[in-house]
C-alpha cells in the first residue's frame, strides 16, 4: 500500500492538504502521522516526501502548533524517519527543522513521547553530518537532551548515545551507534544543538522567501 499511495500521488495530496490547512490542528496531526508511516523503512517514499515539500510542511505544522503535543510527537517521528536520507538531512536543517524540534522538546519537556521523538530526530540528523551537529549545538540541542534525561530517566540509554554522537568530531574513528536501535528502527544518521531564534516564524520566513525570489 505504501507503494500504491506513492504511485497514485498520495504523498503530494497529503502535503497539499497540510499546506492548505496549516491552521487546523487535526489536519496537521494526521498529516504528520501519514508522512511518518509512509516514510517508515521506505527509502523511495522518504525521498519523494522530501522532493514534494513534505519536510517543509511538517516543520511549518510543528511551528504553528507548538502547544499541541501530538503534532510535536508525530512531526518529530516523521522527521526522524526522513533523516535517514542524506538529502533530507540537508532539507530538514535548511527548513528550520532542528530549531522546531528543540523548541517542541522545551515546550513539552514533561512529555516522555515528545522527548523520545526529539531524541530520534536529533540522533539521525547528527550522525555523519558535521553541519547538523554544529547546528544542533548552536540551537541548544544538547541542553534540551540533557533536560529530557533529567526528567525521563528511562530514556537514559537513548539520550546518552545522542550526546556522545554530538561530542565526536568528524576525524574520530569511534562509532557511538554500535548496534543501538530506536523505536524499532536501525541506527540512523545526524544531530544538532540550540538557539531560540529558529525558522518557526512563518510570516518572517514567507517574507524572506518573497524577497529572495525578486
N, C-alpha and C. Protein backbone atom coordinates (compact mmCIF):
# COMPACT_ATOMS: atom_id res chain seq x y z
N UNK A 1 0.81 -1.22 0.00
CA UNK A 1 0.00 0.00 0.00
C UNK A 1 0.85 1.27 0.00
N UNK A 2 1.99 1.22 0.66
CA UNK A 2 2.87 2.40 0.66
C UNK A 2 3.28 2.76 -0.77
N UNK A 3 3.60 1.73 -1.56
CA UNK A 3 3.99 1.97 -2.94
C UNK A 3 2.82 2.52 -3.75
N UNK A 4 1.64 1.95 -3.54
CA UNK A 4 0.45 2.42 -4.27
C UNK A 4 0.12 3.86 -3.93
N UNK A 5 0.23 4.19 -2.67
CA UNK A 5 -0.04 5.57 -2.25
C UNK A 5 0.92 6.53 -2.95
N UNK A 6 2.18 6.15 -3.03
CA UNK A 6 3.17 6.98 -3.73
C UNK A 6 2.84 7.09 -5.21
N UNK A 7 2.52 5.96 -5.85
CA UNK A 7 2.27 5.95 -7.29
C UNK A 7 1.03 6.72 -7.67
N UNK A 8 0.03 6.78 -6.78
CA UNK A 8 -1.20 7.48 -7.09
C UNK A 8 -1.22 8.93 -6.57
N UNK A 9 -0.06 9.43 -6.17
CA UNK A 9 0.03 10.83 -5.78
C UNK A 9 -0.42 11.13 -4.36
N UNK A 10 -0.48 10.09 -3.54
CA UNK A 10 -0.94 10.30 -2.17
C UNK A 10 -0.04 11.18 -1.33
N UNK A 11 1.25 11.09 -1.57
CA UNK A 11 2.18 11.92 -0.81
C UNK A 11 1.95 13.39 -1.11
N UNK A 12 1.84 13.71 -2.39
CA UNK A 12 1.60 15.10 -2.78
C UNK A 12 0.26 15.61 -2.24
N UNK A 13 -0.73 14.71 -2.20
CA UNK A 13 -2.05 15.10 -1.69
C UNK A 13 -1.99 15.44 -0.20
N UNK A 14 -1.26 14.63 0.55
CA UNK A 14 -1.12 14.90 1.99
C UNK A 14 -0.40 16.22 2.22
N UNK A 15 0.69 16.43 1.49
CA UNK A 15 1.46 17.67 1.65
C UNK A 15 0.61 18.88 1.28
N UNK A 16 -0.16 18.77 0.21
CA UNK A 16 -1.02 19.88 -0.21
C UNK A 16 -2.07 20.19 0.85
N UNK A 17 -2.65 19.14 1.44
CA UNK A 17 -3.64 19.35 2.48
C UNK A 17 -3.06 20.02 3.71
N UNK A 18 -1.86 19.60 4.11
CA UNK A 18 -1.20 20.21 5.26
C UNK A 18 -0.89 21.67 5.01
N UNK A 19 -0.46 21.97 3.79
CA UNK A 19 -0.11 23.34 3.43
C UNK A 19 -1.36 24.22 3.37
N UNK A 20 -2.43 23.69 2.80
CA UNK A 20 -3.68 24.43 2.64
C UNK A 20 -4.34 24.71 3.99
N UNK A 21 -4.27 23.75 4.89
CA UNK A 21 -4.97 23.86 6.18
C UNK A 21 -3.96 23.90 7.33
N UNK A 22 -2.99 24.78 7.21
CA UNK A 22 -1.94 24.88 8.21
C UNK A 22 -2.48 25.17 9.59
N UNK A 23 -3.55 25.93 9.68
CA UNK A 23 -4.08 26.33 10.97
C UNK A 23 -4.98 25.30 11.64
N UNK A 24 -5.27 24.20 10.96
CA UNK A 24 -6.17 23.19 11.51
C UNK A 24 -5.34 22.09 12.16
N UNK A 25 -5.41 22.02 13.47
CA UNK A 25 -4.52 21.12 14.20
C UNK A 25 -4.75 19.66 13.85
N UNK A 26 -5.99 19.26 13.63
CA UNK A 26 -6.28 17.86 13.30
C UNK A 26 -5.66 17.46 11.97
N UNK A 27 -5.68 18.38 11.01
CA UNK A 27 -5.06 18.10 9.71
C UNK A 27 -3.56 17.92 9.88
N UNK A 28 -2.95 18.74 10.71
CA UNK A 28 -1.52 18.64 10.94
C UNK A 28 -1.16 17.35 11.68
N UNK A 29 -1.97 16.99 12.66
CA UNK A 29 -1.73 15.74 13.39
C UNK A 29 -1.76 14.54 12.44
N UNK A 30 -2.82 14.46 11.64
CA UNK A 30 -2.99 13.31 10.76
C UNK A 30 -2.02 13.35 9.58
N UNK A 31 -1.69 14.55 9.12
CA UNK A 31 -0.72 14.68 8.03
C UNK A 31 0.65 14.22 8.48
N UNK A 32 1.07 14.65 9.64
CA UNK A 32 2.37 14.21 10.19
C UNK A 32 2.38 12.70 10.40
N UNK A 33 1.26 12.17 10.89
CA UNK A 33 1.18 10.72 11.12
C UNK A 33 1.27 9.96 9.80
N UNK A 34 0.60 10.47 8.77
CA UNK A 34 0.64 9.82 7.47
C UNK A 34 2.05 9.81 6.90
N UNK A 35 2.74 10.93 6.96
CA UNK A 35 4.11 11.00 6.43
C UNK A 35 5.06 10.15 7.26
N UNK A 36 4.79 10.08 8.54
CA UNK A 36 5.59 9.20 9.41
C UNK A 36 5.47 7.75 8.95
N UNK A 37 4.22 7.30 8.75
CA UNK A 37 4.01 5.91 8.37
C UNK A 37 4.51 5.60 6.96
N UNK A 38 4.32 6.54 6.05
CA UNK A 38 4.76 6.33 4.67
C UNK A 38 6.28 6.26 4.55
N UNK A 39 6.97 6.98 5.41
CA UNK A 39 8.44 7.03 5.33
C UNK A 39 9.12 5.93 6.14
N UNK A 40 8.37 5.23 6.95
CA UNK A 40 8.96 4.21 7.82
C UNK A 40 9.51 3.05 7.01
N UNK A 41 10.83 2.84 7.06
CA UNK A 41 11.51 1.76 6.34
C UNK A 41 11.17 1.77 4.85
N UNK A 42 11.07 2.95 4.26
CA UNK A 42 10.76 3.05 2.83
C UNK A 42 11.57 4.20 2.22
N UNK A 43 12.68 3.86 1.60
CA UNK A 43 13.59 4.87 1.06
C UNK A 43 12.95 5.68 -0.06
N UNK A 44 12.20 5.01 -0.94
CA UNK A 44 11.58 5.72 -2.06
C UNK A 44 10.56 6.74 -1.58
N UNK A 45 9.75 6.36 -0.60
CA UNK A 45 8.77 7.30 -0.07
C UNK A 45 9.45 8.46 0.65
N UNK A 46 10.51 8.16 1.38
CA UNK A 46 11.22 9.22 2.09
C UNK A 46 11.77 10.25 1.11
N UNK A 47 12.34 9.76 0.03
CA UNK A 47 12.88 10.66 -0.97
C UNK A 47 11.79 11.48 -1.63
N UNK A 48 10.66 10.83 -1.95
CA UNK A 48 9.55 11.54 -2.60
C UNK A 48 8.96 12.59 -1.65
N UNK A 49 8.83 12.25 -0.38
CA UNK A 49 8.31 13.23 0.58
C UNK A 49 9.20 14.46 0.63
N UNK A 50 10.52 14.24 0.65
CA UNK A 50 11.45 15.36 0.64
C UNK A 50 11.31 16.22 -0.60
N UNK A 51 11.19 15.58 -1.74
CA UNK A 51 11.08 16.30 -3.01
C UNK A 51 9.73 17.01 -3.15
N UNK A 52 8.70 16.49 -2.49
CA UNK A 52 7.35 17.06 -2.61
C UNK A 52 7.07 18.18 -1.62
N UNK A 53 8.06 18.55 -0.81
CA UNK A 53 7.85 19.62 0.16
C UNK A 53 7.30 19.13 1.49
N UNK A 54 7.37 17.81 1.72
CA UNK A 54 6.82 17.28 2.95
C UNK A 54 7.56 17.71 4.20
N UNK A 55 8.86 17.89 4.08
CA UNK A 55 9.65 18.32 5.24
C UNK A 55 9.23 19.72 5.66
N UNK A 56 9.11 20.61 4.69
CA UNK A 56 8.69 21.97 5.00
C UNK A 56 7.29 21.98 5.62
N UNK A 57 6.41 21.11 5.10
CA UNK A 57 5.04 21.05 5.64
C UNK A 57 5.04 20.59 7.10
N UNK A 58 5.85 19.60 7.41
CA UNK A 58 5.93 19.10 8.79
C UNK A 58 6.49 20.18 9.72
N UNK A 59 7.56 20.82 9.29
CA UNK A 59 8.18 21.85 10.12
C UNK A 59 7.22 23.01 10.35
N UNK A 60 6.51 23.43 9.31
CA UNK A 60 5.55 24.51 9.47
C UNK A 60 4.43 24.12 10.43
N UNK A 61 3.99 22.88 10.34
CA UNK A 61 2.94 22.41 11.26
C UNK A 61 3.41 22.40 12.70
N UNK A 62 4.66 21.96 12.91
CA UNK A 62 5.21 21.93 14.26
C UNK A 62 5.36 23.34 14.82
N UNK A 63 5.75 24.25 13.97
CA UNK A 63 5.90 25.65 14.41
C UNK A 63 4.55 26.29 14.72
N UNK A 64 3.59 26.04 13.86
CA UNK A 64 2.26 26.64 14.01
C UNK A 64 1.54 26.11 15.24
N UNK A 65 1.76 24.83 15.56
CA UNK A 65 1.03 24.19 16.65
C UNK A 65 2.00 23.71 17.72
N UNK A 66 2.80 24.63 18.19
CA UNK A 66 3.79 24.32 19.21
C UNK A 66 3.15 23.75 20.47
N UNK A 67 1.96 24.19 20.80
CA UNK A 67 1.30 23.77 22.04
C UNK A 67 0.70 22.37 21.96
N UNK A 68 0.62 21.81 20.77
CA UNK A 68 -0.03 20.52 20.61
C UNK A 68 1.00 19.39 20.66
N UNK A 69 0.91 18.57 21.68
CA UNK A 69 1.92 17.52 21.86
C UNK A 69 1.85 16.46 20.77
N UNK A 70 0.67 16.22 20.21
CA UNK A 70 0.55 15.20 19.17
C UNK A 70 1.24 15.64 17.87
N UNK A 71 1.10 16.90 17.52
CA UNK A 71 1.81 17.40 16.34
C UNK A 71 3.32 17.31 16.56
N UNK A 72 3.76 17.67 17.76
CA UNK A 72 5.20 17.61 18.05
C UNK A 72 5.70 16.16 18.01
N UNK A 73 4.93 15.25 18.56
CA UNK A 73 5.35 13.84 18.59
C UNK A 73 5.36 13.23 17.19
N UNK A 74 4.25 13.38 16.47
CA UNK A 74 4.16 12.77 15.14
C UNK A 74 5.10 13.46 14.15
N UNK A 75 5.20 14.79 14.24
CA UNK A 75 6.11 15.51 13.37
C UNK A 75 7.56 15.12 13.63
N UNK A 76 7.91 14.96 14.90
CA UNK A 76 9.27 14.56 15.25
C UNK A 76 9.61 13.19 14.70
N UNK A 77 8.68 12.25 14.83
CA UNK A 77 8.96 10.90 14.33
C UNK A 77 9.08 10.92 12.81
N UNK A 78 8.23 11.69 12.14
CA UNK A 78 8.31 11.79 10.68
C UNK A 78 9.66 12.33 10.24
N UNK A 79 10.12 13.40 10.87
CA UNK A 79 11.42 13.98 10.52
C UNK A 79 12.55 13.01 10.81
N UNK A 80 12.42 12.26 11.90
CA UNK A 80 13.43 11.27 12.23
C UNK A 80 13.54 10.19 11.17
N UNK A 81 12.39 9.72 10.68
CA UNK A 81 12.41 8.74 9.59
C UNK A 81 13.03 9.33 8.33
N UNK A 82 12.64 10.54 8.01
CA UNK A 82 13.11 11.18 6.77
C UNK A 82 14.60 11.48 6.81
N UNK A 83 15.15 11.62 8.02
CA UNK A 83 16.57 11.97 8.16
C UNK A 83 17.51 10.83 7.83
N UNK A 84 17.00 9.66 7.53
CA UNK A 84 17.87 8.58 7.07
C UNK A 84 18.43 8.89 5.69
N UNK A 85 17.73 9.72 4.94
CA UNK A 85 18.16 10.12 3.60
C UNK A 85 19.07 11.34 3.71
N UNK A 86 20.25 11.29 3.09
CA UNK A 86 21.23 12.38 3.21
C UNK A 86 20.70 13.70 2.69
N UNK A 87 19.99 13.68 1.57
CA UNK A 87 19.42 14.93 1.04
C UNK A 87 18.39 15.50 1.99
N UNK A 88 17.61 14.63 2.60
CA UNK A 88 16.60 15.10 3.55
C UNK A 88 17.23 15.71 4.80
N UNK A 89 18.38 15.21 5.18
CA UNK A 89 19.08 15.82 6.32
C UNK A 89 19.35 17.29 6.06
N UNK A 90 19.78 17.57 4.84
CA UNK A 90 20.05 18.96 4.48
C UNK A 90 18.75 19.77 4.44
N UNK A 91 17.72 19.17 3.87
CA UNK A 91 16.43 19.87 3.77
C UNK A 91 15.88 20.20 5.16
N UNK A 92 15.98 19.26 6.06
CA UNK A 92 15.47 19.48 7.42
C UNK A 92 16.21 20.65 8.08
N UNK A 93 17.53 20.66 7.94
CA UNK A 93 18.30 21.76 8.52
C UNK A 93 17.90 23.09 7.89
N UNK A 94 17.82 23.12 6.57
CA UNK A 94 17.52 24.37 5.87
C UNK A 94 16.10 24.86 6.13
N UNK A 95 15.19 23.93 6.41
CA UNK A 95 13.79 24.30 6.67
C UNK A 95 13.56 24.76 8.11
N UNK A 96 14.59 24.71 8.94
CA UNK A 96 14.43 25.09 10.33
C UNK A 96 13.92 23.95 11.20
N UNK A 97 14.07 22.72 10.71
CA UNK A 97 13.57 21.58 11.46
C UNK A 97 14.28 21.34 12.77
N UNK A 98 15.55 21.63 12.82
CA UNK A 98 16.30 21.43 14.06
C UNK A 98 15.76 22.34 15.16
N UNK A 99 15.58 23.61 14.82
CA UNK A 99 15.05 24.55 15.80
C UNK A 99 13.62 24.18 16.22
N UNK A 100 12.82 23.73 15.25
CA UNK A 100 11.44 23.37 15.55
C UNK A 100 11.38 22.19 16.53
N UNK A 101 12.22 21.20 16.31
CA UNK A 101 12.24 20.03 17.19
C UNK A 101 12.68 20.41 18.60
N UNK A 102 13.72 21.20 18.69
CA UNK A 102 14.23 21.61 20.01
C UNK A 102 13.22 22.48 20.74
N UNK A 103 12.55 23.33 20.01
CA UNK A 103 11.51 24.17 20.63
C UNK A 103 10.38 23.30 21.17
N UNK A 104 10.00 22.28 20.42
CA UNK A 104 8.96 21.37 20.88
C UNK A 104 9.38 20.59 22.12
N UNK A 105 10.65 20.16 22.15
CA UNK A 105 11.16 19.45 23.32
C UNK A 105 11.12 20.33 24.55
N UNK A 106 11.46 21.58 24.40
CA UNK A 106 11.44 22.50 25.54
C UNK A 106 10.02 22.78 26.01
N UNK A 107 9.12 22.95 25.05
CA UNK A 107 7.74 23.26 25.39
C UNK A 107 7.06 22.10 26.12
N UNK A 108 7.39 20.88 25.72
CA UNK A 108 6.75 19.69 26.27
C UNK A 108 7.77 18.82 27.00
N UNK A 109 8.56 19.43 27.85
CA UNK A 109 9.65 18.70 28.49
C UNK A 109 9.16 17.59 29.41
N UNK A 110 7.93 17.70 29.90
CA UNK A 110 7.39 16.67 30.80
C UNK A 110 6.78 15.50 30.04
N UNK A 111 6.65 15.62 28.72
CA UNK A 111 6.03 14.57 27.93
C UNK A 111 7.09 13.60 27.41
N UNK A 112 7.06 12.39 27.89
CA UNK A 112 8.07 11.39 27.52
C UNK A 112 8.13 11.16 26.02
N UNK A 113 6.97 11.12 25.36
CA UNK A 113 6.94 10.74 23.96
C UNK A 113 7.47 11.84 23.05
N UNK A 114 7.20 13.09 23.40
CA UNK A 114 7.78 14.20 22.64
C UNK A 114 9.30 14.18 22.80
N UNK A 115 9.78 13.91 23.99
CA UNK A 115 11.22 13.83 24.23
C UNK A 115 11.83 12.68 23.43
N UNK A 116 11.17 11.55 23.45
CA UNK A 116 11.69 10.37 22.76
C UNK A 116 11.80 10.61 21.26
N UNK A 117 10.78 11.23 20.68
CA UNK A 117 10.83 11.51 19.24
C UNK A 117 11.85 12.60 18.94
N UNK A 118 12.00 13.56 19.87
CA UNK A 118 13.05 14.57 19.70
C UNK A 118 14.42 13.93 19.67
N UNK A 119 14.65 12.98 20.56
CA UNK A 119 15.92 12.24 20.56
C UNK A 119 16.13 11.54 19.22
N UNK A 120 15.05 10.93 18.72
CA UNK A 120 15.10 10.19 17.45
C UNK A 120 15.56 11.08 16.30
N UNK A 121 14.96 12.27 16.20
CA UNK A 121 15.32 13.19 15.12
C UNK A 121 16.77 13.65 15.25
N UNK A 122 17.12 14.12 16.42
CA UNK A 122 18.45 14.69 16.60
C UNK A 122 19.54 13.64 16.38
N UNK A 123 19.26 12.44 16.80
CA UNK A 123 20.23 11.36 16.60
C UNK A 123 20.47 11.11 15.11
N UNK A 124 19.39 11.00 14.35
CA UNK A 124 19.52 10.70 12.93
C UNK A 124 20.10 11.86 12.14
N UNK A 125 19.76 13.06 12.54
CA UNK A 125 20.27 14.24 11.84
C UNK A 125 21.76 14.43 12.06
N UNK A 126 22.25 14.06 13.21
CA UNK A 126 23.63 14.39 13.56
C UNK A 126 24.64 13.34 13.14
N UNK A 127 24.20 12.13 12.89
CA UNK A 127 25.15 11.06 12.54
C UNK A 127 25.78 11.31 11.17
N UNK A 128 27.12 11.40 11.14
CA UNK A 128 27.86 11.63 9.89
C UNK A 128 27.49 12.94 9.20
N UNK A 129 27.12 13.93 9.95
CA UNK A 129 26.77 15.22 9.35
C UNK A 129 27.24 16.34 10.29
N UNK A 130 28.41 16.86 10.01
CA UNK A 130 29.01 17.85 10.89
C UNK A 130 28.24 19.17 10.91
N UNK A 131 27.65 19.55 9.77
CA UNK A 131 26.87 20.78 9.73
C UNK A 131 25.65 20.67 10.65
N UNK A 132 25.01 19.53 10.63
CA UNK A 132 23.86 19.34 11.50
C UNK A 132 24.27 19.28 12.97
N UNK A 133 25.38 18.62 13.24
CA UNK A 133 25.88 18.58 14.62
C UNK A 133 26.07 20.00 15.17
N UNK A 134 26.74 20.81 14.38
CA UNK A 134 27.01 22.17 14.83
C UNK A 134 25.74 22.97 15.00
N UNK A 135 24.81 22.77 14.07
CA UNK A 135 23.54 23.49 14.14
C UNK A 135 22.76 23.09 15.39
N UNK A 136 22.77 21.82 15.69
CA UNK A 136 22.08 21.32 16.89
C UNK A 136 22.70 21.94 18.15
N UNK A 137 24.02 21.98 18.18
CA UNK A 137 24.70 22.57 19.33
C UNK A 137 24.38 24.06 19.44
N UNK A 138 24.44 24.76 18.31
CA UNK A 138 24.16 26.20 18.32
C UNK A 138 22.73 26.50 18.73
N UNK A 139 21.81 25.58 18.42
CA UNK A 139 20.40 25.79 18.73
C UNK A 139 20.02 25.32 20.13
N UNK A 140 20.99 24.80 20.89
CA UNK A 140 20.71 24.38 22.27
C UNK A 140 20.23 22.96 22.38
N UNK A 141 20.53 22.14 21.38
CA UNK A 141 20.07 20.77 21.39
C UNK A 141 20.63 19.93 22.52
N UNK A 142 21.89 20.13 22.84
CA UNK A 142 22.49 19.34 23.92
C UNK A 142 21.81 19.64 25.25
N UNK A 143 21.51 20.92 25.47
CA UNK A 143 20.82 21.29 26.71
C UNK A 143 19.42 20.67 26.76
N UNK A 144 18.75 20.65 25.59
CA UNK A 144 17.40 20.08 25.54
C UNK A 144 17.44 18.58 25.85
N UNK A 145 18.44 17.89 25.31
CA UNK A 145 18.57 16.45 25.57
C UNK A 145 18.89 16.21 27.04
N UNK A 146 19.80 16.99 27.59
CA UNK A 146 20.16 16.83 29.00
C UNK A 146 18.96 17.06 29.91
N UNK A 147 18.13 18.05 29.56
CA UNK A 147 16.92 18.31 30.35
C UNK A 147 15.96 17.14 30.25
N UNK A 148 15.80 16.60 29.03
CA UNK A 148 14.94 15.45 28.85
C UNK A 148 15.40 14.26 29.67
N UNK A 149 16.71 14.09 29.75
CA UNK A 149 17.27 12.99 30.54
C UNK A 149 17.02 13.17 32.03
N UNK A 150 17.07 14.41 32.48
CA UNK A 150 16.81 14.68 33.89
C UNK A 150 15.39 14.29 34.28
N UNK A 151 14.45 14.55 33.37
CA UNK A 151 13.03 14.32 33.67
C UNK A 151 12.56 12.91 33.33
N UNK A 152 13.30 12.23 32.46
CA UNK A 152 12.86 10.91 31.99
C UNK A 152 14.03 9.94 32.06
N UNK A 153 14.26 9.41 33.22
CA UNK A 153 15.41 8.52 33.45
C UNK A 153 15.37 7.29 32.56
N UNK A 154 14.15 6.87 32.17
CA UNK A 154 14.02 5.67 31.36
C UNK A 154 14.57 5.85 29.94
N UNK A 155 14.82 7.10 29.54
CA UNK A 155 15.38 7.38 28.21
C UNK A 155 16.89 7.55 28.25
N UNK A 156 17.50 7.15 29.36
CA UNK A 156 18.93 7.40 29.57
C UNK A 156 19.80 6.85 28.45
N UNK A 157 19.58 5.61 28.05
CA UNK A 157 20.44 5.00 27.03
C UNK A 157 20.36 5.75 25.72
N UNK A 158 19.14 6.12 25.33
CA UNK A 158 18.95 6.82 24.06
C UNK A 158 19.56 8.23 24.11
N UNK A 159 19.31 8.93 25.19
CA UNK A 159 19.82 10.29 25.32
C UNK A 159 21.33 10.34 25.40
N UNK A 160 21.90 9.43 26.15
CA UNK A 160 23.37 9.41 26.29
C UNK A 160 24.06 9.12 24.96
N UNK A 161 23.45 8.26 24.12
CA UNK A 161 24.00 7.99 22.80
C UNK A 161 24.02 9.26 21.94
N UNK A 162 22.97 10.03 22.04
CA UNK A 162 22.88 11.28 21.28
C UNK A 162 23.98 12.25 21.70
N UNK A 163 24.13 12.42 23.00
CA UNK A 163 25.16 13.32 23.49
C UNK A 163 26.55 12.85 23.07
N UNK A 164 26.73 11.54 23.01
CA UNK A 164 28.02 11.00 22.58
C UNK A 164 28.27 11.30 21.12
N UNK A 165 27.27 11.13 20.29
CA UNK A 165 27.40 11.43 18.86
C UNK A 165 27.77 12.89 18.66
N UNK A 166 27.11 13.77 19.38
CA UNK A 166 27.34 15.20 19.23
C UNK A 166 28.73 15.61 19.68
N UNK A 167 29.31 14.84 20.56
CA UNK A 167 30.62 15.20 21.11
C UNK A 167 31.78 14.64 20.30
N UNK A 168 31.50 13.81 19.29
CA UNK A 168 32.55 13.18 18.49
C UNK A 168 32.77 13.96 17.21
N UNK A 169 34.01 14.26 16.89
CA UNK A 169 34.34 15.04 15.70
C UNK A 169 34.36 14.14 14.48
N UNK A 170 34.40 14.77 13.30
CA UNK A 170 34.41 14.03 12.04
C UNK A 170 35.67 13.20 11.88
N UNK A 171 36.76 13.57 12.54
CA UNK A 171 38.02 12.86 12.37
C UNK A 171 38.14 11.66 13.29
N UNK A 172 37.19 11.48 14.18
CA UNK A 172 37.26 10.36 15.12
C UNK A 172 36.88 9.05 14.43
N UNK A 173 37.55 7.98 14.80
CA UNK A 173 37.23 6.67 14.25
C UNK A 173 36.21 5.94 15.12
N UNK A 174 35.80 6.57 16.19
CA UNK A 174 34.88 5.95 17.13
C UNK A 174 33.46 5.92 16.56
N UNK A 175 32.77 4.83 16.72
CA UNK A 175 31.38 4.71 16.28
C UNK A 175 30.48 4.61 17.50
N UNK A 176 29.74 5.70 17.84
CA UNK A 176 28.93 5.69 19.05
C UNK A 176 27.62 4.94 18.90
N UNK A 177 27.25 4.56 17.68
CA UNK A 177 25.96 3.94 17.48
C UNK A 177 25.94 2.47 17.85
N UNK A 178 26.98 1.77 17.47
CA UNK A 178 27.02 0.33 17.73
C UNK A 178 25.79 -0.34 17.16
N UNK A 179 25.21 -1.24 17.92
CA UNK A 179 24.02 -1.96 17.47
C UNK A 179 22.75 -1.33 18.03
N UNK A 180 22.87 -0.13 18.53
CA UNK A 180 21.75 0.55 19.17
C UNK A 180 20.60 0.78 18.20
N UNK A 181 19.39 0.44 18.61
CA UNK A 181 18.21 0.70 17.79
C UNK A 181 17.23 1.54 18.58
N UNK A 182 16.33 2.21 17.85
CA UNK A 182 15.42 3.16 18.46
C UNK A 182 14.05 3.03 17.81
N UNK A 183 13.02 2.87 18.62
CA UNK A 183 11.66 2.76 18.10
C UNK A 183 11.55 1.73 16.99
N UNK A 184 12.31 0.66 17.07
CA UNK A 184 12.23 -0.38 16.06
C UNK A 184 13.03 -0.08 14.82
N UNK A 185 13.73 1.06 14.76
CA UNK A 185 14.48 1.42 13.56
C UNK A 185 15.94 1.08 13.70
N UNK A 186 16.64 1.04 12.59
CA UNK A 186 18.07 0.76 12.62
C UNK A 186 18.83 2.02 13.00
N UNK A 187 20.09 1.88 13.33
CA UNK A 187 20.90 3.02 13.71
C UNK A 187 20.93 4.04 12.59
N UNK A 188 20.53 5.31 12.90
CA UNK A 188 20.40 6.37 11.91
C UNK A 188 21.62 7.21 11.63
N UNK A 189 21.38 8.52 11.29
CA UNK A 189 22.46 9.41 10.92
C UNK A 189 22.62 10.69 11.72
N UNK A 190 22.37 11.90 11.47
CA UNK A 190 22.89 13.12 12.10
C UNK A 190 22.28 13.75 13.35
N UNK A 191 22.89 14.89 13.85
CA UNK A 191 22.44 15.65 15.02
C UNK A 191 22.72 17.16 14.98
N UNK A 192 22.15 17.95 15.99
CA UNK A 192 22.44 19.39 16.18
C UNK A 192 22.07 19.96 17.56
N UNK A 193 22.32 21.28 17.89
CA UNK A 193 22.03 21.90 19.20
C UNK A 193 21.20 23.19 19.23
N UNK A 194 21.38 24.24 19.89
CA UNK A 194 20.45 25.28 20.42
C UNK A 194 20.36 26.69 19.82
N UNK A 195 19.22 27.35 20.05
CA UNK A 195 19.01 28.74 19.69
C UNK A 195 17.53 29.04 19.68
N UNK A 196 17.13 30.11 20.33
CA UNK A 196 15.70 30.44 20.41
C UNK A 196 15.21 31.04 19.10
N UNK A 197 16.13 31.53 18.27
CA UNK A 197 15.71 32.19 17.04
C UNK A 197 15.56 31.19 15.92
N UNK A 198 15.03 30.31 15.66
CA UNK A 198 15.00 29.36 14.54
C UNK A 198 14.20 29.87 13.41
N UNK A 199 13.56 29.04 12.65
CA UNK A 199 12.78 29.44 11.50
C UNK A 199 11.31 29.15 11.74
N UNK A 200 10.84 29.30 12.96
CA UNK A 200 9.46 28.99 13.27
C UNK A 200 8.52 30.17 13.11
N UNK A 201 9.03 31.28 12.64
CA UNK A 201 8.16 32.41 12.38
C UNK A 201 7.74 32.34 10.92
N UNK A 202 6.52 31.86 10.67
CA UNK A 202 6.07 31.63 9.30
C UNK A 202 6.01 32.90 8.47
N UNK A 203 5.52 33.98 9.09
CA UNK A 203 5.40 35.22 8.34
C UNK A 203 6.77 35.76 7.97
N UNK A 204 7.70 35.66 8.89
CA UNK A 204 9.06 36.13 8.62
C UNK A 204 9.70 35.31 7.51
N UNK A 205 9.49 34.01 7.54
CA UNK A 205 10.06 33.14 6.51
C UNK A 205 9.46 33.41 5.15
N UNK A 206 8.14 33.60 5.13
CA UNK A 206 7.47 33.86 3.86
C UNK A 206 7.95 35.16 3.26
N UNK A 207 8.11 36.18 4.10
CA UNK A 207 8.61 37.46 3.64
C UNK A 207 10.01 37.34 3.07
N UNK A 208 10.85 36.56 3.74
CA UNK A 208 12.21 36.36 3.28
C UNK A 208 12.23 35.64 1.94
N UNK A 209 11.36 34.60 1.79
CA UNK A 209 11.30 33.87 0.53
C UNK A 209 10.90 34.77 -0.62
N UNK A 210 9.93 35.66 -0.36
CA UNK A 210 9.49 36.57 -1.40
C UNK A 210 10.60 37.55 -1.79
N UNK A 211 11.32 38.03 -0.77
CA UNK A 211 12.43 38.95 -1.03
C UNK A 211 13.52 38.27 -1.84
N UNK A 212 13.84 37.04 -1.45
CA UNK A 212 14.91 36.31 -2.14
C UNK A 212 14.55 35.97 -3.58
N UNK A 213 13.24 35.84 -3.86
CA UNK A 213 12.83 35.46 -5.21
C UNK A 213 12.79 36.62 -6.18
N UNK A 214 12.94 37.84 -5.65
CA UNK A 214 12.88 39.03 -6.52
C UNK A 214 14.20 39.21 -7.27
